[in-house]
Amino acid sequence: MSDHSEAPVAPVEAHEPPYYMAVFTAVRTQDQSGYSETDARLEDLVKDVPGYLGTDYAQSPGGLAITVAYFRDAEALAQWRCNAEHRSAQKRGQAEWYQSYTLHVAKVERSHGFTRAHVPPSPTAG
């Protein structure tokens, strides 16, 4: 997906299993005309899917982009998969934006998270 540079740097929170995740890994082509606009539109659309839990994004220095979308159940994932605008973007991606990609769908059976507590600096630290 896009650079997501404005997104907060935090993973999607752990949810109570079971739930589903779709892992999309891609290498993009040089011509990305229209990609950012389509990506932004899809980000807005997926938020309207009942059961959508969030999305994590990462990109390697070598250009591998990874998008992991989480859904409460298989029905929510199927609703997203069948969304007409999403399907249209998939076709355009194959035709223009992606050199290669893979999609993995998995049922999450275990999930937990950690967030370091913020510790204010000591007033005597100098």
Protein backbone atom coordinates (compact mmCIF):
# COMPACT_ATOMS: atom_id res chain seq x y z
CA MET A 1 0.00 0.00 0.00
CA SER A 2 1.09 3.61 0.34
CA ASP A 3 3.93 4.95 2.44
CA HIS A 4 1.63 5.39 5.45
CA SER A 5 4.12 7.90 6.82
CA GLU A 6 1.32 9.76 8.61
CA ALA A 7 0.07 6.63 10.38
CA PRO A 8 1.05 6.24 14.04
CA VAL A 9 3.94 3.88 14.63
CA ALA A 10 2.20 1.18 16.65
CA PRO A 11 1.01 -2.29 15.76
CA VAL A 12 -2.66 -3.18 15.61
CA GLU A 13 -3.63 -4.27 19.11
CA ALA A 14 -3.96 -7.95 19.96
CA HIS A 15 -7.55 -9.17 19.81
CA GLU A 16 -9.27 -12.12 21.39
CA PRO A 17 -8.84 -15.12 19.05
CA PRO A 18 -9.99 -16.53 16.85
CA TYR A 19 -9.89 -13.93 14.12
CA TYR A 20 -8.49 -13.77 10.59
CA MET A 21 -5.60 -12.03 8.93
CA ALA A 22 -4.79 -11.44 5.28
CA VAL A 23 -1.06 -10.95 4.62
CA PHE A 24 -0.34 -9.22 1.31
CA THR A 25 3.30 -8.96 0.26
CA ALA A 26 4.22 -7.15 -2.93
CA VAL A 27 6.97 -5.69 -5.05
CA ARG A 28 5.73 -2.71 -7.03
CA THR A 29 6.49 -1.62 -10.56
CA GLN A 30 8.12 1.71 -11.41
CA ASP A 31 4.85 3.27 -12.67
CA GLN A 32 2.65 3.98 -9.67
CA SER A 33 0.27 6.41 -11.40
CA GLY A 34 -2.98 6.54 -9.43
CA TYR A 35 -1.77 4.13 -6.75
CA SER A 36 -1.76 6.56 -3.81
CA GLU A 37 -5.29 7.79 -4.51
CA THR A 38 -6.62 4.25 -4.89
CA ASP A 39 -4.80 3.11 -1.75
CA ALA A 40 -6.28 5.98 0.27
CA ARG A 41 -9.76 5.15 -1.02
CA LEU A 42 -9.37 1.48 -0.10
CA GLU A 43 -8.16 2.42 3.38
CA ASP A 44 -11.38 4.40 3.87
CA LEU A 45 -13.55 1.61 2.45
CA VAL A 46 -12.16 -1.24 4.54
CA LYS A 47 -12.93 0.71 7.73
CA ASP A 48 -16.64 0.42 6.85
CA VAL A 49 -16.54 -3.39 6.84
CA PRO A 50 -18.20 -4.69 10.03
CA GLY A 51 -15.58 -6.85 11.73
CA TYR A 52 -12.54 -5.01 10.36
CA LEU A 53 -9.96 -4.81 13.19
CA GLY A 54 -7.09 -2.85 11.65
CA THR A 55 -4.10 -2.98 9.32
CA ASP A 56 -0.34 -3.10 9.84
CA TYR A 57 2.08 -1.93 7.13
CA ALA A 58 5.80 -2.36 6.62
CA GLN A 59 8.28 -1.90 3.80
CA SER A 60 11.79 -3.25 3.50
CA PRO A 61 14.64 -1.10 2.15
CA GLY A 62 14.72 -3.44 -0.85
CA GLY A 63 11.13 -2.58 -1.78
CA LEU A 64 9.08 -5.47 -0.38
CA ALA A 65 5.81 -4.02 0.93
CA ILE A 66 3.83 -5.96 3.53
CA THR A 67 0.23 -5.25 4.46
CA VAL A 68 -1.52 -7.30 7.15
CA ALA A 69 -5.26 -6.72 7.55
CA TYR A 70 -7.16 -8.22 10.48
CA PHE A 71 -10.83 -9.24 10.51
CA ARG A 72 -13.05 -10.54 13.32
CA ASP A 73 -14.40 -13.44 11.24
CA ALA A 74 -14.35 -15.10 7.84
CA GLU A 75 -17.53 -13.26 6.82
CA ALA A 76 -15.89 -9.85 7.33
CA LEU A 77 -12.87 -10.96 5.30
CA ALA A 78 -15.16 -12.27 2.55
CA GLN A 79 -17.07 -8.99 2.49
CA TRP A 80 -13.81 -7.12 1.92
CA ARG A 81 -12.61 -9.62 -0.68
CA CYS A 82 -15.86 -9.20 -2.64
CA ASN A 83 -16.06 -5.39 -2.43
CA ALA A 84 -16.45 -4.09 -6.00
CA GLU A 85 -13.94 -1.22 -5.65
CA HIS A 86 -11.43 -3.53 -3.99
CA ARG A 87 -11.83 -6.06 -6.84
CA SER A 88 -11.33 -3.31 -9.41
CA ALA A 89 -8.17 -2.13 -7.62
CA GLN A 90 -6.86 -5.71 -7.58
CA LYS A 91 -7.22 -5.94 -11.35
CA ARG A 92 -5.51 -2.61 -11.84
CA GLY A 93 -2.74 -3.70 -9.49
CA GLN A 94 -2.07 -6.80 -11.59
CA ALA A 95 -2.10 -4.75 -14.77
CA GLU A 96 -0.04 -1.77 -13.57
CA TRP A 97 1.24 -1.55 -9.99
CA TYR A 98 2.68 -4.91 -8.98
CA GLN A 99 5.75 -6.72 -10.27
CA SER A 100 4.79 -9.65 -8.03
CA TYR A 101 2.70 -10.34 -4.95
CA THR A 102 1.49 -13.07 -2.63
CA LEU A 103 -1.57 -13.27 -0.42
CA HIS A 104 -1.76 -15.50 2.64
CA VAL A 105 -4.94 -15.82 4.71
CA ALA A 106 -4.76 -17.35 8.18
CA LYS A 107 -6.93 -17.92 11.21
CA VAL A 108 -5.28 -16.46 14.30
CA GLU A 109 -5.40 -18.87 17.21
CA ARG A 110 -3.13 -17.05 19.65
CA SER A 111 -2.56 -13.34 20.12
CA HIS A 112 -0.99 -11.11 22.74
CA GLY A 113 0.73 -7.76 22.86
CA PHE A 114 3.03 -5.54 24.90
CA THR A 115 3.31 -1.78 25.27
CA ARG A 116 6.03 -0.23 27.39
CA ALA A 117 4.61 2.05 30.05
CA HIS A 118 5.68 5.67 29.69
CA VAL A 119 7.97 6.60 32.56
CA PRO A 120 8.35 10.36 33.03
CA PRO A 121 11.93 11.58 33.47
CA SER A 122 13.10 12.04 37.04
CA PRO A 123 13.17 15.72 38.13
CA THR A 124 16.68 15.14 39.49
CA ALA A 125 18.01 13.58 36.27
CA GLY A 126 20.38 15.91 34.58
